[in-house]
Amino acid sequence: MVSVRGVHRRFGSETSVVHALKGVSFDVEAGTMVALAGRSGSGKTTLLNVIGGLDRPDEGEVLVDGVEVTRLDEDGLSKLRRERVSYVFQTFGLIPVLSAAENVGAPLRLARMAAADREKRVALLLDLVGLTDHAAQRPGEMSGGQQQRVAIARALAASPRLLIADEPTGQLDAETGRSVMALLRAVVESEGVTAIVSTHDPVMMALADRVVRISDGRVDV
């Protein structure tokens, strides 16, 4: 599903260059959940951004579902993010004025899905994340764990092939974080999604099919 080959990413000027990624190469099999583990500043977020097309590497290539991400123009990247890749962030990123159901349905509105089909998909996803009874609530009326569950449901709305989650439990307490990670594990199995989840929690790593460790911009596979 994902193939990363010789990826380098540098930031800054010639006099103060930061090498965020240094020749990163690894593969992710379809239908698996991979934990990307490393300390803060190790390069996890940069690597996820490059894989998902939010950032471009200085060298190397990335393929997602057979598409060479690193060769896509802006229109191609937008199409990739709309049809194949979805994201979950630790800050949730929900629209405050919309209900849980409306937040989940937002990507489907953009895709111009018929209203009846959209409502069925939203209901299915809210049931999947255990929030059927909270469909009408706005983010401000929900706990952090509930908001992250809504964010996961929204990320799954358009049936992506790859789910990228950057420290999805970073703002949650340990117990809630474990329940969210367990949900991601269940989603991989029930929806057939491939997931790459960055974390530094060993308990959460245990739920993954595989752990890829990154340190100082290099991976140990």
C-alpha atoms as a PDB file:
ATOM      1  CA  MET A   1       0.000   0.000   0.000  1.00  0.00           C
ATOM      2  CA  VAL A   2       2.827   2.413   0.901  1.00  0.00           C
ATOM      3  CA  SER A   3       6.390   2.379  -0.387  1.00  0.00           C
ATOM      4  CA  VAL A   4       8.919   4.951   0.801  1.00  0.00           C
ATOM      5  CA  ARG A   5      12.283   5.006  -0.960  1.00  0.00           C
ATOM      6  CA  GLY A   6      15.338   7.081  -0.020  1.00  0.00           C
ATOM      7  CA  VAL A   7      13.371  10.049   1.291  1.00  0.00           C
ATOM      8  CA  HIS A   8      15.285  13.116   2.509  1.00  0.00           C
ATOM      9  CA  ARG A   9      13.684  16.287   3.852  1.00  0.00           C
ATOM     10  CA  ARG A  10      15.631  19.371   4.857  1.00  0.00           C
ATOM     11  CA  PHE A  11      14.496  22.651   6.381  1.00  0.00           C
ATOM     12  CA  GLY A  12      16.235  25.981   6.766  1.00  0.00           C
ATOM     13  CA  SER A  13      18.965  27.809   4.883  1.00  0.00           C
ATOM     14  CA  GLU A  14      22.440  26.666   3.885  1.00  0.00           C
ATOM     15  CA  THR A  15      23.933  28.071   7.080  1.00  0.00           C
ATOM     16  CA  SER A  16      21.405  26.390   9.392  1.00  0.00           C
ATOM     17  CA  VAL A  17      19.994  23.284   7.724  1.00  0.00           C
ATOM     18  CA  VAL A  18      17.911  20.807   9.707  1.00  0.00           C
ATOM     19  CA  HIS A  19      17.871  17.288   8.244  1.00  0.00           C
ATOM     20  CA  ALA A  20      14.428  16.093   9.328  1.00  0.00           C
ATOM     21  CA  LEU A  21      14.531  12.887   7.237  1.00  0.00           C
ATOM     22  CA  LYS A  22      17.715  11.114   6.183  1.00  0.00           C
ATOM     23  CA  GLY A  23      17.285   8.466   3.502  1.00  0.00           C
ATOM     24  CA  VAL A  24      14.105   6.882   4.884  1.00  0.00           C
ATOM     25  CA  SER A  25      12.959   3.646   3.204  1.00  0.00           C
ATOM     26  CA  PHE A  26      10.245   1.177   4.254  1.00  0.00           C
ATOM     27  CA  ASP A  27       7.029  -0.478   3.058  1.00  0.00           C
ATOM     28  CA  VAL A  28       3.553  -0.853   4.567  1.00  0.00           C
ATOM     29  CA  GLU A  29       1.386  -3.820   3.583  1.00  0.00           C
ATOM     30  CA  ALA A  30      -2.266  -3.245   2.709  1.00  0.00           C
ATOM     31  CA  GLY A  31      -4.778  -3.831   5.487  1.00  0.00           C
ATOM     32  CA  THR A  32      -2.264  -3.464   8.309  1.00  0.00           C
ATOM     33  CA  MET A  33      -1.813  -0.996  11.146  1.00  0.00           C
ATOM     34  CA  VAL A  34       1.716   0.324  11.550  1.00  0.00           C
ATOM     35  CA  ALA A  35       2.845   2.300  14.576  1.00  0.00           C
ATOM     36  CA  LEU A  36       5.442   4.963  13.805  1.00  0.00           C
ATOM     37  CA  ALA A  37       7.344   5.338  17.064  1.00  0.00           C
ATOM     38  CA  GLY A  38       9.832   7.983  18.106  1.00  0.00           C
ATOM     39  CA  ARG A  39      10.474  10.874  20.414  1.00  0.00           C
ATOM     40  CA  SER A  40       9.303  14.411  19.753  1.00  0.00           C
ATOM     41  CA  GLY A  41      11.481  15.900  17.004  1.00  0.00           C
ATOM     42  CA  SER A  42      12.482  12.513  15.606  1.00  0.00           C
ATOM     43  CA  GLY A  43      10.835  13.178  12.229  1.00  0.00           C
ATOM     44  CA  LYS A  44       7.493  11.384  12.675  1.00  0.00           C
ATOM     45  CA  THR A  45       5.246  14.253  11.608  1.00  0.00           C
ATOM     46  CA  THR A  46       7.484  15.210   8.686  1.00  0.00           C
ATOM     47  CA  LEU A  47       7.435  11.623   7.436  1.00  0.00           C
ATOM     48  CA  LEU A  48       3.645  11.371   7.733  1.00  0.00           C
ATOM     49  CA  ASN A  49       3.230  14.680   5.900  1.00  0.00           C
ATOM     50  CA  VAL A  50       5.452  13.467   3.054  1.00  0.00           C
ATOM     51  CA  ILE A  51       3.584  10.148   2.770  1.00  0.00           C
ATOM     52  CA  GLY A  52       0.212  11.897   2.716  1.00  0.00           C
ATOM     53  CA  GLY A  53       1.216  14.563   0.211  1.00  0.00           C
ATOM     54  CA  LEU A  54       1.062  17.474   2.665  1.00  0.00           C
ATOM     55  CA  ASP A  55       4.790  18.061   2.169  1.00  0.00           C
ATOM     56  CA  ARG A  56       7.313  17.228  -0.527  1.00  0.00           C
ATOM     57  CA  PRO A  57      10.681  15.520   0.019  1.00  0.00           C
ATOM     58  CA  ASP A  58      13.920  16.998  -1.259  1.00  0.00           C
ATOM     59  CA  GLU A  59      14.974  13.564  -2.509  1.00  0.00           C
ATOM     60  CA  GLY A  60      13.394  10.137  -2.843  1.00  0.00           C
ATOM     61  CA  GLU A  61       9.959   8.870  -3.783  1.00  0.00           C
ATOM     62  CA  VAL A  62       6.730   7.786  -2.112  1.00  0.00           C
ATOM     63  CA  LEU A  63       4.073   5.521  -3.629  1.00  0.00           C
ATOM     64  CA  VAL A  64       0.591   5.204  -2.096  1.00  0.00           C
ATOM     65  CA  ASP A  65      -1.787   2.626  -3.550  1.00  0.00           C
ATOM     66  CA  GLY A  66       0.299   2.552  -6.718  1.00  0.00           C
ATOM     67  CA  VAL A  67       0.354   6.342  -7.122  1.00  0.00           C
ATOM     68  CA  GLU A  68       3.730   8.101  -7.021  1.00  0.00           C
ATOM     69  CA  VAL A  69       2.847  10.910  -4.628  1.00  0.00           C
ATOM     70  CA  THR A  70       6.106  12.752  -5.128  1.00  0.00           C
ATOM     71  CA  ARG A  71       5.369  13.353  -8.830  1.00  0.00           C
ATOM     72  CA  LEU A  72       1.838  14.726  -8.408  1.00  0.00           C
ATOM     73  CA  ASP A  73       0.972  18.363  -9.077  1.00  0.00           C
ATOM     74  CA  GLU A  74      -1.355  20.276  -6.725  1.00  0.00           C
ATOM     75  CA  ASP A  75      -4.491  19.005  -8.472  1.00  0.00           C
ATOM     76  CA  GLY A  76      -3.204  15.450  -8.245  1.00  0.00           C
ATOM     77  CA  LEU A  77      -2.397  15.868  -4.552  1.00  0.00           C
ATOM     78  CA  SER A  78      -5.868  17.249  -3.883  1.00  0.00           C
ATOM     79  CA  LYS A  79      -7.389  14.239  -5.644  1.00  0.00           C
ATOM     80  CA  LEU A  80      -5.177  11.887  -3.621  1.00  0.00           C
ATOM     81  CA  ARG A  81      -6.280  13.457  -0.338  1.00  0.00           C
ATOM     82  CA  ARG A  82      -9.917  13.466  -1.430  1.00  0.00           C
ATOM     83  CA  GLU A  83     -10.095   9.874  -2.653  1.00  0.00           C
ATOM     84  CA  ARG A  84      -7.327   7.752  -1.155  1.00  0.00           C
ATOM     85  CA  VAL A  85      -5.822   9.287   1.998  1.00  0.00           C
ATOM     86  CA  SER A  86      -7.452  10.646   5.153  1.00  0.00           C
ATOM     87  CA  TYR A  87      -5.949  12.194   8.268  1.00  0.00           C
ATOM     88  CA  VAL A  88      -6.568  12.222  12.006  1.00  0.00           C
ATOM     89  CA  PHE A  89      -4.728  14.823  14.092  1.00  0.00           C
ATOM     90  CA  GLN A  90      -4.326  15.189  17.843  1.00  0.00           C
ATOM     91  CA  THR A  91      -6.134  18.548  17.717  1.00  0.00           C
ATOM     92  CA  PHE A  92      -9.333  16.875  16.334  1.00  0.00           C
ATOM     93  CA  GLY A  93      -9.960  19.646  13.743  1.00  0.00           C
ATOM     94  CA  LEU A  94     -13.752  19.495  13.946  1.00  0.00           C
ATOM     95  CA  ILE A  95     -15.964  22.385  12.798  1.00  0.00           C
ATOM     96  CA  PRO A  96     -17.382  23.858  16.040  1.00  0.00           C
ATOM     97  CA  VAL A  97     -20.742  25.002  14.653  1.00  0.00           C
ATOM     98  CA  LEU A  98     -21.575  21.619  13.105  1.00  0.00           C
ATOM     99  CA  SER A  99     -23.015  18.605  14.899  1.00  0.00           C
ATOM    100  CA  ALA A 100     -21.153  15.313  15.068  1.00  0.00           C
ATOM    101  CA  ALA A 101     -23.225  13.970  12.179  1.00  0.00           C
ATOM    102  CA  GLU A 102     -22.645  17.100  10.108  1.00  0.00           C
ATOM    103  CA  ASN A 103     -18.883  16.959  10.734  1.00  0.00           C
ATOM    104  CA  VAL A 104     -18.768  13.329   9.608  1.00  0.00           C
ATOM    105  CA  GLY A 105     -20.879  14.103   6.553  1.00  0.00           C
ATOM    106  CA  ALA A 106     -18.851  17.148   5.461  1.00  0.00           C
ATOM    107  CA  PRO A 107     -16.470  15.214   3.138  1.00  0.00           C
ATOM    108  CA  LEU A 108     -19.452  13.477   1.548  1.00  0.00           C
ATOM    109  CA  ARG A 109     -21.132  16.811   0.852  1.00  0.00           C
ATOM    110  CA  LEU A 110     -17.947  17.967  -0.880  1.00  0.00           C
ATOM    111  CA  ALA A 111     -18.033  14.745  -2.907  1.00  0.00           C
ATOM    112  CA  ARG A 112     -21.688  15.524  -3.777  1.00  0.00           C
ATOM    113  CA  MET A 113     -22.992  12.215  -2.500  1.00  0.00           C
ATOM    114  CA  ALA A 114     -26.767  11.925  -2.621  1.00  0.00           C
ATOM    115  CA  ALA A 115     -28.409  12.978   0.641  1.00  0.00           C
ATOM    116  CA  ALA A 116     -29.981   9.588   1.377  1.00  0.00           C
ATOM    117  CA  ASP A 117     -26.709   7.740   0.769  1.00  0.00           C
ATOM    118  CA  ARG A 118     -24.830  10.322   2.835  1.00  0.00           C
ATOM    119  CA  GLU A 119     -27.160   9.905   5.801  1.00  0.00           C
ATOM    120  CA  LYS A 120     -26.781   6.115   5.692  1.00  0.00           C
ATOM    121  CA  ARG A 121     -22.974   6.361   5.578  1.00  0.00           C
ATOM    122  CA  VAL A 122     -22.881   8.868   8.449  1.00  0.00           C
ATOM    123  CA  ALA A 123     -25.182   6.694  10.576  1.00  0.00           C
ATOM    124  CA  LEU A 124     -23.014   3.636   9.876  1.00  0.00           C
ATOM    125  CA  LEU A 125     -19.819   5.452  10.857  1.00  0.00           C
ATOM    126  CA  LEU A 126     -21.245   6.977  14.024  1.00  0.00           C
ATOM    127  CA  ASP A 127     -22.375   3.501  15.027  1.00  0.00           C
ATOM    128  CA  LEU A 128     -18.899   2.141  14.250  1.00  0.00           C
ATOM    129  CA  VAL A 129     -17.265   4.641  16.632  1.00  0.00           C
ATOM    130  CA  GLY A 130     -19.972   4.238  19.269  1.00  0.00           C
ATOM    131  CA  LEU A 131     -21.530   7.697  18.980  1.00  0.00           C
ATOM    132  CA  THR A 132     -24.995   7.070  17.566  1.00  0.00           C
ATOM    133  CA  ASP A 133     -26.565   8.745  20.591  1.00  0.00           C
ATOM    134  CA  HIS A 134     -24.373  11.840  20.173  1.00  0.00           C
ATOM    135  CA  ALA A 135     -25.117  12.583  16.509  1.00  0.00           C
ATOM    136  CA  ALA A 136     -26.771  15.939  17.218  1.00  0.00           C
ATOM    137  CA  GLN A 137     -24.129  17.219  19.651  1.00  0.00           C
ATOM    138  CA  ARG A 138     -21.581  19.850  18.678  1.00  0.00           C
ATOM    139  CA  PRO A 139     -17.856  19.370  19.481  1.00  0.00           C
ATOM    140  CA  GLY A 140     -18.003  21.769  22.441  1.00  0.00           C
ATOM    141  CA  GLU A 141     -20.624  19.540  24.056  1.00  0.00           C
ATOM    142  CA  MET A 142     -18.445  16.428  23.821  1.00  0.00           C
ATOM    143  CA  SER A 143     -15.421  15.059  25.665  1.00  0.00           C
ATOM    144  CA  GLY A 144     -11.999  14.933  24.031  1.00  0.00           C
ATOM    145  CA  GLY A 145     -12.322  11.204  23.450  1.00  0.00           C
ATOM    146  CA  GLN A 146     -15.714  11.637  21.822  1.00  0.00           C
ATOM    147  CA  GLN A 147     -14.389  14.421  19.592  1.00  0.00           C
ATOM    148  CA  GLN A 148     -11.529  12.203  18.432  1.00  0.00           C
ATOM    149  CA  ARG A 149     -14.006   9.436  17.642  1.00  0.00           C
ATOM    150  CA  VAL A 150     -15.953  11.897  15.498  1.00  0.00           C
ATOM    151  CA  ALA A 151     -12.684  12.854  13.774  1.00  0.00           C
ATOM    152  CA  ILE A 152     -11.978   9.189  13.033  1.00  0.00           C
ATOM    153  CA  ALA A 153     -15.485   8.696  11.643  1.00  0.00           C
ATOM    154  CA  ARG A 154     -15.059  11.768   9.443  1.00  0.00           C
ATOM    155  CA  ALA A 155     -11.698  10.482   8.187  1.00  0.00           C
ATOM    156  CA  LEU A 156     -13.397   7.243   7.137  1.00  0.00           C
ATOM    157  CA  ALA A 157     -16.363   8.930   5.452  1.00  0.00           C
ATOM    158  CA  ALA A 158     -15.016   8.784   1.903  1.00  0.00           C
ATOM    159  CA  SER A 159     -13.724   5.193   2.290  1.00  0.00           C
ATOM    160  CA  PRO A 160      -9.998   6.025   2.067  1.00  0.00           C
ATOM    161  CA  ARG A 161      -7.401   3.396   1.315  1.00  0.00           C
ATOM    162  CA  LEU A 162      -4.899   4.897   3.773  1.00  0.00           C
ATOM    163  CA  LEU A 163      -5.524   6.487   7.166  1.00  0.00           C
ATOM    164  CA  ILE A 164      -2.741   8.640   8.623  1.00  0.00           C
ATOM    165  CA  ALA A 165      -3.014   9.488  12.319  1.00  0.00           C
ATOM    166  CA  ASP A 166      -0.467  11.857  13.852  1.00  0.00           C
ATOM    167  CA  GLU A 167      -0.380  11.372  17.644  1.00  0.00           C
ATOM    168  CA  PRO A 168      -4.173  10.895  17.712  1.00  0.00           C
ATOM    169  CA  THR A 169      -4.160  10.360  21.487  1.00  0.00           C
ATOM    170  CA  GLY A 170      -1.771  13.207  22.321  1.00  0.00           C
ATOM    171  CA  GLN A 171      -4.448  15.320  24.029  1.00  0.00           C
ATOM    172  CA  LEU A 172      -6.254  12.457  25.745  1.00  0.00           C
ATOM    173  CA  ASP A 173      -5.764  10.785  29.121  1.00  0.00           C
ATOM    174  CA  ALA A 174      -4.231   7.299  29.131  1.00  0.00           C
ATOM    175  CA  GLU A 175      -7.482   5.343  29.424  1.00  0.00           C
ATOM    176  CA  THR A 176      -9.270   7.355  26.725  1.00  0.00           C
ATOM    177  CA  GLY A 177      -6.183   7.133  24.521  1.00  0.00           C
ATOM    178  CA  ARG A 178      -6.171   3.350  24.766  1.00  0.00           C
ATOM    179  CA  SER A 179      -9.844   3.192  23.788  1.00  0.00           C
ATOM    180  CA  VAL A 180      -9.183   5.402  20.751  1.00  0.00           C
ATOM    181  CA  MET A 181      -6.244   3.224  19.681  1.00  0.00           C
ATOM    182  CA  ALA A 182      -8.397   0.115  20.122  1.00  0.00           C
ATOM    183  CA  LEU A 183     -10.995   1.783  17.911  1.00  0.00           C
ATOM    184  CA  LEU A 184      -8.381   2.438  15.220  1.00  0.00           C
ATOM    185  CA  ARG A 185      -7.363  -1.223  15.425  1.00  0.00           C
ATOM    186  CA  ALA A 186     -11.009  -2.274  14.971  1.00  0.00           C
ATOM    187  CA  VAL A 187     -11.428   0.156  12.063  1.00  0.00           C
ATOM    188  CA  VAL A 188      -8.485  -1.384  10.203  1.00  0.00           C
ATOM    189  CA  GLU A 189     -10.104  -4.792  10.511  1.00  0.00           C
ATOM    190  CA  SER A 190     -13.725  -3.813   9.799  1.00  0.00           C
ATOM    191  CA  GLU A 191     -13.163  -1.234   7.028  1.00  0.00           C
ATOM    192  CA  GLY A 192     -10.132  -2.864   5.400  1.00  0.00           C
ATOM    193  CA  VAL A 193      -8.146   0.357   5.803  1.00  0.00           C
ATOM    194  CA  THR A 194      -4.366   0.595   6.018  1.00  0.00           C
ATOM    195  CA  ALA A 195      -3.279   2.821   8.916  1.00  0.00           C
ATOM    196  CA  ILE A 196      -0.034   4.529   9.896  1.00  0.00           C
ATOM    197  CA  VAL A 197      -0.262   5.900  13.428  1.00  0.00           C
ATOM    198  CA  SER A 198       2.479   7.894  15.129  1.00  0.00           C
ATOM    199  CA  THR A 199       2.790   7.377  18.871  1.00  0.00           C
ATOM    200  CA  HIS A 200       5.300   7.131  21.707  1.00  0.00           C
ATOM    201  CA  ASP A 201       3.096   4.996  23.971  1.00  0.00           C
ATOM    202  CA  PRO A 202       4.264   1.344  24.233  1.00  0.00           C
ATOM    203  CA  VAL A 203       0.747   0.192  25.160  1.00  0.00           C
ATOM    204  CA  MET A 204      -0.561   1.635  21.900  1.00  0.00           C
ATOM    205  CA  MET A 205       2.307   0.158  19.899  1.00  0.00           C
ATOM    206  CA  ALA A 206       1.228  -3.283  21.121  1.00  0.00           C
ATOM    207  CA  LEU A 207      -2.025  -2.910  19.156  1.00  0.00           C
ATOM    208  CA  ALA A 208      -0.182  -2.456  15.856  1.00  0.00           C
ATOM    209  CA  ASP A 209       0.759  -5.191  13.410  1.00  0.00           C
ATOM    210  CA  ARG A 210       4.218  -3.688  13.176  1.00  0.00           C
ATOM    211  CA  VAL A 211       6.287  -0.936  14.748  1.00  0.00           C
ATOM    212  CA  VAL A 212       8.576   1.280  12.658  1.00  0.00           C
ATOM    213  CA  ARG A 213      10.949   3.242  14.870  1.00  0.00           C
ATOM    214  CA  ILE A 214      12.346   6.586  13.807  1.00  0.00           C
ATOM    215  CA  SER A 215      15.210   8.405  15.487  1.00  0.00           C
ATOM    216  CA  ASP A 216      17.040  11.507  14.293  1.00  0.00           C
ATOM    217  CA  GLY A 217      15.400  11.266  10.882  1.00  0.00           C
ATOM    218  CA  ARG A 218      16.295   7.624  10.248  1.00  0.00           C
ATOM    219  CA  VAL A 219      14.084   4.540  10.536  1.00  0.00           C
ATOM    220  CA  ASP A 220      14.894   1.148  12.018  1.00  0.00           C
ATOM    221  CA  VAL A 221      12.722  -1.477  10.321  1.00  0.00           C
END
